């Protein structure tokens, strides 16, 4: 099916957050409205696009409902940590360990 949107595959929708799903749903509904208007005025060139957009909308509704029911997991928030943060974090963690080691050596 060359007319359908390949970017809205169900595996792709799994990675979207809830807000993005709602945005995609709004876009698809607007596109469906425009396609129906074009069809009514006789300007629609690709009638298969109507079917593809309807299926995209159904796919999005399915993902939203499955998340509500707990069937499908929501994507975990992505934490972006800079390399500098990792180094400073490692140094901060190493400092107390080194201090504890020095205290145990002094006690012996």
PDB file of N, CA and C in Angstrom:
ATOM      1  N   UNK A   1       0.830  -1.167   0.000  1.00  0.00           N
ATOM      2  CA  UNK A   1       0.000   0.000   0.000  1.00  0.00           C
ATOM      3  C   UNK A   1       0.882   1.239   0.000  1.00  0.00           C
ATOM      4  N   UNK A   2       1.093   1.805  -1.133  1.00  0.00           N
ATOM      5  CA  UNK A   2       2.013   2.920  -1.298  1.00  0.00           C
ATOM      6  C   UNK A   2       1.430   4.237  -0.818  1.00  0.00           C
ATOM      7  N   UNK A   3       0.120   4.312  -0.691  1.00  0.00           N
ATOM      8  CA  UNK A   3      -0.518   5.580  -0.358  1.00  0.00           C
ATOM      9  C   UNK A   3      -0.500   5.834   1.143  1.00  0.00           C
ATOM     10  N   UNK A   4      -0.521   4.805   1.952  1.00  0.00           N
ATOM     11  CA  UNK A   4      -0.582   4.957   3.401  1.00  0.00           C
ATOM     12  C   UNK A   4       0.653   5.624   3.966  1.00  0.00           C
ATOM     13  N   UNK A   5       0.530   6.137   5.163  1.00  0.00           N
ATOM     14  CA  UNK A   5       1.666   6.801   5.789  1.00  0.00           C
ATOM     15  C   UNK A   5       2.496   5.768   6.536  1.00  0.00           C
ATOM     16  N   UNK A   6       3.714   5.612   6.103  1.00  0.00           N
ATOM     17  CA  UNK A   6       4.602   4.630   6.702  1.00  0.00           C
ATOM     18  C   UNK A   6       5.147   5.112   8.041  1.00  0.00           C
ATOM     19  N   UNK A   7       5.053   6.406   8.297  1.00  0.00           N
ATOM     20  CA  UNK A   7       5.575   6.941   9.542  1.00  0.00           C
ATOM     21  C   UNK A   7       4.674   6.648  10.733  1.00  0.00           C
ATOM     22  N   UNK A   8       3.460   6.230  10.490  1.00  0.00           N
ATOM     23  CA  UNK A   8       2.534   5.938  11.580  1.00  0.00           C
ATOM     24  C   UNK A   8       2.299   4.440  11.745  1.00  0.00           C
ATOM     25  N   UNK A   9       3.341   3.655  11.615  1.00  0.00           N
ATOM     26  CA  UNK A   9       3.231   2.224  11.868  1.00  0.00           C
ATOM     27  C   UNK A   9       3.033   2.013  13.367  1.00  0.00           C
ATOM     28  N   UNK A  10       2.457   0.898  13.737  1.00  0.00           N
ATOM     29  CA  UNK A  10       2.160   0.668  15.155  1.00  0.00           C
ATOM     30  C   UNK A  10       3.438   0.611  15.993  1.00  0.00           C
ATOM     31  N   UNK A  11       4.527   0.113  15.425  1.00  0.00           N
ATOM     32  CA  UNK A  11       5.786   0.096  16.168  1.00  0.00           C
ATOM     33  C   UNK A  11       6.310   1.510  16.375  1.00  0.00           C
ATOM     34  N   UNK A  12       6.052   2.378  15.421  1.00  0.00           N
ATOM     35  CA  UNK A  12       6.466   3.773  15.540  1.00  0.00           C
ATOM     36  C   UNK A  12       5.601   4.500  16.571  1.00  0.00           C
ATOM     37  N   UNK A  13       4.326   4.174  16.613  1.00  0.00           N
ATOM     38  CA  UNK A  13       3.421   4.815  17.565  1.00  0.00           C
ATOM     39  C   UNK A  13       3.747   4.426  19.004  1.00  0.00           C
ATOM     40  N   UNK A  14       4.372   3.271  19.200  1.00  0.00           N
ATOM     41  CA  UNK A  14       4.753   2.845  20.544  1.00  0.00           C
ATOM     42  C   UNK A  14       5.755   3.797  21.175  1.00  0.00           C
ATOM     43  N   UNK A  15       6.580   4.432  20.349  1.00  0.00           N
ATOM     44  CA  UNK A  15       7.620   5.312  20.871  1.00  0.00           C
ATOM     45  C   UNK A  15       7.116   6.721  21.143  1.00  0.00           C
ATOM     46  N   UNK A  16       5.927   7.060  20.676  1.00  0.00           N
ATOM     47  CA  UNK A  16       5.386   8.407  20.858  1.00  0.00           C
ATOM     48  C   UNK A  16       4.858   8.576  22.277  1.00  0.00           C
ATOM     49  N   UNK A  17       5.017   9.773  22.816  1.00  0.00           N
ATOM     50  CA  UNK A  17       4.411  10.095  24.099  1.00  0.00           C
ATOM     51  C   UNK A  17       2.945  10.434  23.867  1.00  0.00           C
ATOM     52  N   UNK A  18       2.182  10.525  24.943  1.00  0.00           N
ATOM     53  CA  UNK A  18       0.743  10.765  24.830  1.00  0.00           C
ATOM     54  C   UNK A  18       0.429  12.089  24.140  1.00  0.00           C
ATOM     55  N   UNK A  19       1.199  13.130  24.446  1.00  0.00           N
ATOM     56  CA  UNK A  19       0.950  14.436  23.833  1.00  0.00           C
ATOM     57  C   UNK A  19       1.172  14.381  22.332  1.00  0.00           C
ATOM     58  N   UNK A  20       2.206  13.671  21.925  1.00  0.00           N
ATOM     59  CA  UNK A  20       2.491  13.577  20.493  1.00  0.00           C
ATOM     60  C   UNK A  20       1.421  12.755  19.779  1.00  0.00           C
ATOM     61  N   UNK A  21       0.901  11.737  20.445  1.00  0.00           N
ATOM     62  CA  UNK A  21      -0.187  10.956  19.856  1.00  0.00           C
ATOM     63  C   UNK A  21      -1.411  11.829  19.615  1.00  0.00           C
ATOM     64  N   UNK A  22      -1.718  12.689  20.577  1.00  0.00           N
ATOM     65  CA  UNK A  22      -2.865  13.586  20.425  1.00  0.00           C
ATOM     66  C   UNK A  22      -2.620  14.556  19.269  1.00  0.00           C
ATOM     67  N   UNK A  23      -1.390  15.057  19.155  1.00  0.00           N
ATOM     68  CA  UNK A  23      -1.062  15.962  18.044  1.00  0.00           C
ATOM     69  C   UNK A  23      -1.202  15.259  16.695  1.00  0.00           C
ATOM     70  N   UNK A  24      -0.708  14.026  16.612  1.00  0.00           N
ATOM     71  CA  UNK A  24      -0.816  13.266  15.364  1.00  0.00           C
ATOM     72  C   UNK A  24      -2.283  12.990  15.030  1.00  0.00           C
ATOM     73  N   UNK A  25      -3.079  12.743  16.060  1.00  0.00           N
ATOM     74  CA  UNK A  25      -4.507  12.504  15.853  1.00  0.00           C
ATOM     75  C   UNK A  25      -5.189  13.751  15.292  1.00  0.00           C
ATOM     76  N   UNK A  26      -4.846  14.906  15.832  1.00  0.00           N
ATOM     77  CA  UNK A  26      -5.424  16.159  15.330  1.00  0.00           C
ATOM     78  C   UNK A  26      -5.032  16.399  13.875  1.00  0.00           C
ATOM     79  N   UNK A  27      -3.759  16.143  13.560  1.00  0.00           N
ATOM     80  CA  UNK A  27      -3.294  16.328  12.176  1.00  0.00           C
ATOM     81  C   UNK A  27      -4.029  15.392  11.223  1.00  0.00           C
ATOM     82  N   UNK A  28      -4.184  14.144  11.640  1.00  0.00           N
ATOM     83  CA  UNK A  28      -4.852  13.164  10.785  1.00  0.00           C
ATOM     84  C   UNK A  28      -6.321  13.520  10.582  1.00  0.00           C
ATOM     85  N   UNK A  29      -6.972  14.010  11.632  1.00  0.00           N
ATOM     86  CA  UNK A  29      -8.376  14.401  11.497  1.00  0.00           C
ATOM     87  C   UNK A  29      -8.531  15.601  10.571  1.00  0.00           C
ATOM     88  N   UNK A  30      -7.602  16.552  10.663  1.00  0.00           N
ATOM     89  CA  UNK A  30      -7.642  17.704   9.756  1.00  0.00           C
ATOM     90  C   UNK A  30      -7.440  17.260   8.311  1.00  0.00           C
ATOM     91  N   UNK A  31      -6.490  16.337   8.121  1.00  0.00           N
ATOM     92  CA  UNK A  31      -6.239  15.837   6.772  1.00  0.00           C
ATOM     93  C   UNK A  31      -7.463  15.099   6.231  1.00  0.00           C
ATOM     94  N   UNK A  32      -8.110  14.309   7.078  1.00  0.00           N
ATOM     95  CA  UNK A  32      -9.313  13.596   6.657  1.00  0.00           C
ATOM     96  C   UNK A  32     -10.419  14.577   6.268  1.00  0.00           C
ATOM     97  N   UNK A  33     -10.576  15.640   7.042  1.00  0.00           N
ATOM     98  CA  UNK A  33     -11.570  16.664   6.718  1.00  0.00           C
ATOM     99  C   UNK A  33     -11.279  17.275   5.350  1.00  0.00           C
ATOM    100  N   UNK A  34     -10.008  17.618   5.114  1.00  0.00           N
ATOM    101  CA  UNK A  34      -9.634  18.218   3.826  1.00  0.00           C
ATOM    102  C   UNK A  34      -9.841  17.245   2.670  1.00  0.00           C
ATOM    103  N   UNK A  35      -9.507  15.979   2.893  1.00  0.00           N
ATOM    104  CA  UNK A  35      -9.689  14.982   1.840  1.00  0.00           C
ATOM    105  C   UNK A  35     -11.169  14.777   1.524  1.00  0.00           C
ATOM    106  N   UNK A  36     -12.002  14.769   2.543  1.00  0.00           N
ATOM    107  CA  UNK A  36     -13.443  14.625   2.310  1.00  0.00           C
ATOM    108  C   UNK A  36     -13.993  15.832   1.555  1.00  0.00           C
ATOM    109  N   UNK A  37     -13.491  17.000   1.892  1.00  0.00           N
ATOM    110  CA  UNK A  37     -13.925  18.212   1.199  1.00  0.00           C
ATOM    111  C   UNK A  37     -13.514  18.153  -0.269  1.00  0.00           C
ATOM    112  N   UNK A  38     -12.283  17.723  -0.528  1.00  0.00           N
ATOM    113  CA  UNK A  38     -11.810  17.586  -1.909  1.00  0.00           C
ATOM    114  C   UNK A  38     -12.630  16.551  -2.658  1.00  0.00           C
ATOM    115  N   UNK A  39     -12.993  15.473  -1.975  1.00  0.00           N
ATOM    116  CA  UNK A  39     -13.790  14.432  -2.611  1.00  0.00           C
ATOM    117  C   UNK A  39     -15.174  14.957  -2.988  1.00  0.00           C
ATOM    118  N   UNK A  40     -15.760  15.756  -2.117  1.00  0.00           N
ATOM    119  CA  UNK A  40     -17.099  16.287  -2.379  1.00  0.00           C
ATOM    120  C   UNK A  40     -17.101  17.275  -3.540  1.00  0.00           C
ATOM    121  N   UNK A  41     -15.997  17.996  -3.707  1.00  0.00           N
ATOM    122  CA  UNK A  41     -15.925  18.982  -4.787  1.00  0.00           C
ATOM    123  C   UNK A  41     -15.344  18.398  -6.066  1.00  0.00           C
ATOM    124  N   UNK A  42     -14.955  17.118  -6.024  1.00  0.00           N
ATOM    125  CA  UNK A  42     -14.423  16.470  -7.217  1.00  0.00           C
ATOM    126  C   UNK A  42     -12.967  16.769  -7.495  1.00  0.00           C
ATOM    127  N   UNK A  43     -12.241  17.255  -6.506  1.00  0.00           N
ATOM    128  CA  UNK A  43     -10.835  17.603  -6.693  1.00  0.00           C
ATOM    129  C   UNK A  43      -9.878  16.540  -6.169  1.00  0.00           C
ATOM    130  N   UNK A  44     -10.388  15.497  -5.560  1.00  0.00           N
ATOM    131  CA  UNK A  44      -9.535  14.476  -4.960  1.00  0.00           C
ATOM    132  C   UNK A  44      -8.937  13.593  -6.042  1.00  0.00           C
ATOM    133  N   UNK A  45      -7.620  13.481  -6.044  1.00  0.00           N
ATOM    134  CA  UNK A  45      -6.931  12.668  -7.049  1.00  0.00           C
ATOM    135  C   UNK A  45      -6.673  11.254  -6.549  1.00  0.00           C
ATOM    136  N   UNK A  46      -6.418  11.116  -5.264  1.00  0.00           N
ATOM    137  CA  UNK A  46      -6.067   9.816  -4.718  1.00  0.00           C
ATOM    138  C   UNK A  46      -7.096   9.399  -3.666  1.00  0.00           C
ATOM    139  N   UNK A  47      -8.038   8.573  -4.068  1.00  0.00           N
ATOM    140  CA  UNK A  47      -9.087   8.129  -3.149  1.00  0.00           C
ATOM    141  C   UNK A  47      -8.555   7.144  -2.118  1.00  0.00           C
ATOM    142  N   UNK A  48      -7.451   6.494  -2.415  1.00  0.00           N
ATOM    143  CA  UNK A  48      -6.855   5.563  -1.463  1.00  0.00           C
ATOM    144  C   UNK A  48      -6.309   6.264  -0.235  1.00  0.00           C
ATOM    145  N   UNK A  49      -6.002   7.534  -0.376  1.00  0.00           N
ATOM    146  CA  UNK A  49      -5.483   8.297   0.761  1.00  0.00           C
ATOM    147  C   UNK A  49      -6.542   8.435   1.854  1.00  0.00           C
ATOM    148  N   UNK A  50      -7.806   8.526   1.474  1.00  0.00           N
ATOM    149  CA  UNK A  50      -8.895   8.575   2.462  1.00  0.00           C
ATOM    150  C   UNK A  50      -8.849   7.345   3.368  1.00  0.00           C
ATOM    151  N   UNK A  51      -8.722   6.207   2.756  1.00  0.00           N
ATOM    152  CA  UNK A  51      -8.687   4.950   3.503  1.00  0.00           C
ATOM    153  C   UNK A  51      -7.463   4.887   4.421  1.00  0.00           C
ATOM    154  N   UNK A  52      -6.317   5.333   3.903  1.00  0.00           N
ATOM    155  CA  UNK A  52      -5.088   5.292   4.690  1.00  0.00           C
ATOM    156  C   UNK A  52      -5.170   6.207   5.910  1.00  0.00           C
ATOM    157  N   UNK A  53      -5.739   7.386   5.740  1.00  0.00           N
ATOM    158  CA  UNK A  53      -5.849   8.323   6.858  1.00  0.00           C
ATOM    159  C   UNK A  53      -6.829   7.794   7.899  1.00  0.00           C
ATOM    160  N   UNK A  54      -7.920   7.183   7.455  1.00  0.00           N
ATOM    161  CA  UNK A  54      -8.871   6.588   8.399  1.00  0.00           C
ATOM    162  C   UNK A  54      -8.193   5.494   9.223  1.00  0.00           C
ATOM    163  N   UNK A  55      -7.379   4.710   8.574  1.00  0.00           N
ATOM    164  CA  UNK A  55      -6.669   3.640   9.291  1.00  0.00           C
ATOM    165  C   UNK A  55      -5.647   4.208  10.268  1.00  0.00           C
ATOM    166  N   UNK A  56      -4.979   5.294   9.874  1.00  0.00           N
ATOM    167  CA  UNK A  56      -4.037   5.940  10.785  1.00  0.00           C
ATOM    168  C   UNK A  56      -4.754   6.437  12.038  1.00  0.00           C
ATOM    169  N   UNK A  57      -5.917   7.031  11.847  1.00  0.00           N
ATOM    170  CA  UNK A  57      -6.702   7.520  12.985  1.00  0.00           C
ATOM    171  C   UNK A  57      -7.095   6.353  13.892  1.00  0.00           C
ATOM    172  N   UNK A  58      -7.533   5.268  13.300  1.00  0.00           N
ATOM    173  CA  UNK A  58      -7.910   4.088  14.087  1.00  0.00           C
ATOM    174  C   UNK A  58      -6.708   3.524  14.837  1.00  0.00           C
ATOM    175  N   UNK A  59      -5.553   3.524  14.191  1.00  0.00           N
ATOM    176  CA  UNK A  59      -4.332   3.037  14.823  1.00  0.00           C
ATOM    177  C   UNK A  59      -3.983   3.885  16.050  1.00  0.00           C
ATOM    178  N   UNK A  60      -4.095   5.191  15.909  1.00  0.00           N
ATOM    179  CA  UNK A  60      -3.771   6.089  17.019  1.00  0.00           C
ATOM    180  C   UNK A  60      -4.754   5.891  18.170  1.00  0.00           C
ATOM    181  N   UNK A  61      -6.049   5.805  17.851  1.00  0.00           N
ATOM    182  CA  UNK A  61      -7.051   5.556  18.891  1.00  0.00           C
ATOM    183  C   UNK A  61      -6.781   4.233  19.608  1.00  0.00           C
ATOM    184  N   UNK A  62      -6.354   3.232  18.874  1.00  0.00           N
ATOM    185  CA  UNK A  62      -6.072   1.926  19.472  1.00  0.00           C
ATOM    186  C   UNK A  62      -4.920   2.016  20.461  1.00  0.00           C
ATOM    187  N   UNK A  63      -3.861   2.703  20.083  1.00  0.00           N
ATOM    188  CA  UNK A  63      -2.708   2.840  20.973  1.00  0.00           C
ATOM    189  C   UNK A  63      -3.095   3.606  22.234  1.00  0.00           C
ATOM    190  N   UNK A  64      -3.861   4.678  22.073  1.00  0.00           N
ATOM    191  CA  UNK A  64      -4.288   5.463  23.235  1.00  0.00           C
ATOM    192  C   UNK A  64      -5.133   4.607  24.179  1.00  0.00           C
ATOM    193  N   UNK A  65      -6.064   3.853  23.638  1.00  0.00           N
ATOM    194  CA  UNK A  65      -6.946   3.019  24.461  1.00  0.00           C
ATOM    195  C   UNK A  65      -6.173   1.890  25.138  1.00  0.00           C
ATOM    196  N   UNK A  66      -5.238   1.279  24.432  1.00  0.00           N
ATOM    197  CA  UNK A  66      -4.440   0.211  25.036  1.00  0.00           C
ATOM    198  C   UNK A  66      -3.602   0.744  26.190  1.00  0.00           C
ATOM    199  N   UNK A  67      -3.116   1.960  26.066  1.00  0.00           N
ATOM    200  CA  UNK A  67      -2.362   2.555  27.171  1.00  0.00           C
ATOM    201  C   UNK A  67      -3.264   2.835  28.363  1.00  0.00           C
ATOM    202  N   UNK A  68      -4.494   3.268  28.112  1.00  0.00           N
ATOM    203  CA  UNK A  68      -5.441   3.500  29.204  1.00  0.00           C
ATOM    204  C   UNK A  68      -5.738   2.212  29.956  1.00  0.00           C
ATOM    205  N   UNK A  69      -5.856   1.118  29.229  1.00  0.00           N
ATOM    206  CA  UNK A  69      -6.176  -0.167  29.845  1.00  0.00           C
ATOM    207  C   UNK A  69      -4.954  -0.872  30.416  1.00  0.00           C
ATOM    208  N   UNK A  70      -3.767  -0.376  30.112  1.00  0.00           N
ATOM    209  CA  UNK A  70      -2.547  -0.993  30.605  1.00  0.00           C
ATOM    210  C   UNK A  70      -2.067  -2.146  29.756  1.00  0.00           C
ATOM    211  N   UNK A  71      -2.625  -2.316  28.581  1.00  0.00           N
ATOM    212  CA  UNK A  71      -2.209  -3.390  27.686  1.00  0.00           C
ATOM    213  C   UNK A  71      -0.866  -3.056  27.053  1.00  0.00           C
ATOM    214  N   UNK A  72      -0.714  -1.805  26.692  1.00  0.00           N
ATOM    215  CA  UNK A  72       0.507  -1.346  26.039  1.00  0.00           C
ATOM    216  C   UNK A  72       1.207  -0.380  26.986  1.00  0.00           C
ATOM    217  N   UNK A  73       2.506  -0.552  27.145  1.00  0.00           N
ATOM    218  CA  UNK A  73       3.263   0.291  28.063  1.00  0.00           C
ATOM    219  C   UNK A  73       3.540   1.657  27.448  1.00  0.00           C
ATOM    220  N   UNK A  74       3.529   2.667  28.295  1.00  0.00           N
ATOM    221  CA  UNK A  74       3.893   4.001  27.825  1.00  0.00           C
ATOM    222  C   UNK A  74       5.405   4.075  27.729  1.00  0.00           C
ATOM    223  N   UNK A  75       5.931   4.853  26.798  1.00  0.00           N
ATOM    224  CA  UNK A  75       7.381   4.927  26.656  1.00  0.00           C
ATOM    225  C   UNK A  75       8.009   5.602  27.865  1.00  0.00           C
ATOM    226  N   UNK A  76       9.157   5.097  28.266  1.00  0.00           N
ATOM    227  CA  UNK A  76       9.865   5.684  29.398  1.00  0.00           C
ATOM    228  C   UNK A  76      10.462   7.016  28.974  1.00  0.00           C
ATOM    229  N   UNK A  77      10.474   8.001  29.862  1.00  0.00           N
ATOM    230  CA  UNK A  77      11.074   9.285  29.494  1.00  0.00           C
ATOM    231  C   UNK A  77      12.567   9.115  29.262  1.00  0.00           C
ATOM    232  N   UNK A  78      13.033   9.734  28.218  1.00  0.00           N
ATOM    233  CA  UNK A  78      14.435   9.610  27.841  1.00  0.00           C
ATOM    234  C   UNK A  78      15.241  10.627  28.625  1.00  0.00           C
ATOM    235  N   UNK A  79      16.244  10.140  29.331  1.00  0.00           N
ATOM    236  CA  UNK A  79      17.109  11.025  30.095  1.00  0.00           C
ATOM    237  C   UNK A  79      18.392  11.242  29.307  1.00  0.00           C
ATOM    238  N   UNK A  80      18.664  12.495  29.013  1.00  0.00           N
ATOM    239  CA  UNK A  80      19.872  12.833  28.283  1.00  0.00           C
ATOM    240  C   UNK A  80      20.870  13.390  29.280  1.00  0.00           C
ATOM    241  N   UNK A  81      21.988  12.688  29.425  1.00  0.00           N
ATOM    242  CA  UNK A  81      23.016  13.110  30.360  1.00  0.00           C
ATOM    243  C   UNK A  81      24.262  13.449  29.560  1.00  0.00           C
ATOM    244  N   UNK A  82      24.784  14.630  29.793  1.00  0.00           N
ATOM    245  CA  UNK A  82      25.987  15.059  29.083  1.00  0.00           C
ATOM    246  C   UNK A  82      27.187  14.295  29.625  1.00  0.00           C
ATOM    247  N   UNK A  83      28.222  14.197  28.806  1.00  0.00           N
ATOM    248  CA  UNK A  83      29.424  13.475  29.217  1.00  0.00           C
ATOM    249  C   UNK A  83      30.097  14.157  30.401  1.00  0.00           C
ATOM    250  N   UNK A  84      30.076  15.467  30.434  1.00  0.00           N
ATOM    251  CA  UNK A  84      30.685  16.196  31.541  1.00  0.00           C
ATOM    252  C   UNK A  84      29.968  15.871  32.845  1.00  0.00           C
ATOM    253  N   UNK A  85      28.668  15.715  32.797  1.00  0.00           N
ATOM    254  CA  UNK A  85      27.914  15.379  33.996  1.00  0.00           C
ATOM    255  C   UNK A  85      28.305  14.001  34.514  1.00  0.00           C
ATOM    256  N   UNK A  86      28.542  13.084  33.607  1.00  0.00           N
ATOM    257  CA  UNK A  86      28.926  11.738  34.025  1.00  0.00           C
ATOM    258  C   UNK A  86      30.275  11.770  34.736  1.00  0.00           C
ATOM    259  N   UNK A  87      31.215  12.553  34.206  1.00  0.00           N
ATOM    260  CA  UNK A  87      32.543  12.618  34.809  1.00  0.00           C
ATOM    261  C   UNK A  87      32.478  13.247  36.192  1.00  0.00           C
ATOM    262  N   UNK A  88      31.752  14.338  36.318  1.00  0.00           N
ATOM    263  CA  UNK A  88      31.662  14.991  37.619  1.00  0.00           C
ATOM    264  C   UNK A  88      30.908  14.116  38.607  1.00  0.00           C
ATOM    265  N   UNK A  89      29.922  13.391  38.123  1.00  0.00           N
ATOM    266  CA  UNK A  89      29.171  12.501  38.991  1.00  0.00           C
ATOM    267  C   UNK A  89      30.075  11.374  39.494  1.00  0.00           C
ATOM    268  N   UNK A  90      30.912  10.849  38.603  1.00  0.00           N
ATOM    269  CA  UNK A  90      31.823   9.779  38.991  1.00  0.00           C
ATOM    270  C   UNK A  90      32.833  10.289  40.015  1.00  0.00           C
ATOM    271  N   UNK A  91      33.311  11.515  39.835  1.00  0.00           N
ATOM    272  CA  UNK A  91      34.269  12.086  40.778  1.00  0.00           C
ATOM    273  C   UNK A  91      33.615  12.311  42.136  1.00  0.00           C
ATOM    274  N   UNK A  92      32.352  12.774  42.125  1.00  0.00           N
ATOM    275  CA  UNK A  92      31.641  13.014  43.372  1.00  0.00           C
ATOM    276  C   UNK A  92      31.428  11.713  44.128  1.00  0.00           C
ATOM    277  N   UNK A  93      31.145  10.644  43.400  1.00  0.00           N
ATOM    278  CA  UNK A  93      30.934   9.354  44.042  1.00  0.00           C
ATOM    279  C   UNK A  93      32.251   8.775  44.540  1.00  0.00           C
ATOM    280  N   UNK A  94      33.342   9.029  43.829  1.00  0.00           N
ATOM    281  CA  UNK A  94      34.639   8.493  44.208  1.00  0.00           C
ATOM    282  C   UNK A  94      35.204   9.220  45.421  1.00  0.00           C
ATOM    283  N   UNK A  95      34.897  10.493  45.586  1.00  0.00           N
ATOM    284  CA  UNK A  95      35.435  11.277  46.692  1.00  0.00           C
ATOM    285  C   UNK A  95      35.006  10.719  48.052  1.00  0.00           C
ATOM    286  N   UNK A  96      33.747  10.419  48.296  1.00  0.00           N
ATOM    287  CA  UNK A  96      33.379   9.855  49.601  1.00  0.00           C
ATOM    288  C   UNK A  96      33.998   8.478  49.830  1.00  0.00           C
ATOM    289  N   UNK A  97      34.133   7.706  48.781  1.00  0.00           N
ATOM    290  CA  UNK A  97      34.732   6.381  48.915  1.00  0.00           C
ATOM    291  C   UNK A  97      36.192   6.517  49.308  1.00  0.00           C
ATOM    292  N   UNK A  98      36.897   7.475  48.690  1.00  0.00           N
ATOM    293  CA  UNK A  98      38.303   7.702  49.019  1.00  0.00           C
ATOM    294  C   UNK A  98      38.431   8.211  50.448  1.00  0.00           C
ATOM    295  N   UNK A  99      37.525   9.061  50.883  1.00  0.00           N
ATOM    296  CA  UNK A  99      37.568   9.585  52.245  1.00  0.00           C
ATOM    297  C   UNK A  99      37.330   8.465  53.253  1.00  0.00           C
ATOM    298  N   UNK A 100      36.414   7.574  52.948  1.00  0.00           N
ATOM    299  CA  UNK A 100      36.144   6.444  53.837  1.00  0.00           C
ATOM    300  C   UNK A 100      37.348   5.513  53.903  1.00  0.00           C
ATOM    301  N   UNK A 101      38.016   5.315  52.779  1.00  0.00           N
ATOM    302  CA  UNK A 101      39.195   4.456  52.751  1.00  0.00           C
ATOM    303  C   UNK A 101      40.307   5.074  53.588  1.00  0.00           C
ATOM    304  N   UNK A 102      40.470   6.385  53.507  1.00  0.00           N
ATOM    305  CA  UNK A 102      41.502   7.065  54.285  1.00  0.00           C
ATOM    306  C   UNK A 102      41.193   6.967  55.776  1.00  0.00           C
ATOM    307  N   UNK A 103      39.935   7.075  56.151  1.00  0.00           N
ATOM    308  CA  UNK A 103      39.548   6.975  57.555  1.00  0.00           C
ATOM    309  C   UNK A 103      39.807   5.581  58.097  1.00  0.00           C
ATOM    310  N   UNK A 104      39.546   4.557  57.304  1.00  0.00           N
ATOM    311  CA  UNK A 104      39.774   3.187  57.773  1.00  0.00           C
ATOM    312  C   UNK A 104      41.265   2.906  57.894  1.00  0.00           C
ATOM    313  N   UNK A 105      42.091   3.505  57.034  1.00  0.00           N
ATOM    314  CA  UNK A 105      43.540   3.313  57.129  1.00  0.00           C
ATOM    315  C   UNK A 105      44.083   3.999  58.376  1.00  0.00           C
ATOM    316  N   UNK A 106      43.538   5.175  58.705  1.00  0.00           N
ATOM    317  CA  UNK A 106      43.982   5.895  59.893  1.00  0.00           C
ATOM    318  C   UNK A 106      43.582   5.136  61.156  1.00  0.00           C
ATOM    319  N   UNK A 107      42.436   4.476  61.106  1.00  0.00           N
ATOM    320  CA  UNK A 107      41.958   3.740  62.268  1.00  0.00           C
ATOM    321  C   UNK A 107      42.805   2.502  62.510  1.00  0.00           C
ATOM    322  N   UNK A 108      43.414   1.939  61.474  1.00  0.00           N
ATOM    323  CA  UNK A 108      44.221   0.715  61.614  1.00  0.00           C
ATOM    324  C   UNK A 108      45.569   1.096  62.046  1.00  0.00           C
TER     325      UNK A 108
END
